[in-house]
């Protein structure tokens, strides 16, 4: 028995389904980015070491080597994707600087962190106009 060609009316539905899947993936990546990197306004702690150890635990990303928290609003981070300088297909660099806290795991023992507050421009990966990955400070 010969196979029939797909019905032409299904093509728009298949394209819509693929678009929805791509958008939901970008949304999930954006939410993960926010959980991992956004802290605005900056949560209070007595010092950067306490801040980092507390935030890494609070965000369930403990015991990882390094993480950077950006102290800016979601709108400011999305603006990097819409108006930042392009550095490749999905990579954008901020035009202005951001307040950052860089958390680095201490080499021995428990999952404790050193923290360092700084101000710098940032480089992000963006998809569908949303930041989905923090690359580095500039």
Foldseek 3Di string as FASTA:
>chain_A
DDDDDDDPVCVVVVVVVVVVVVVVVQVVLLVLCCLQAEDEQQDDDPDLQRSQVVSCVVSVNFPDFKGKHWHDDQVQQLVQQVPFDDDDDFKGKHPAKTWMKMWGADDDDGRTTDIDIDIFIFMFGHDPSGGRGTDGGD
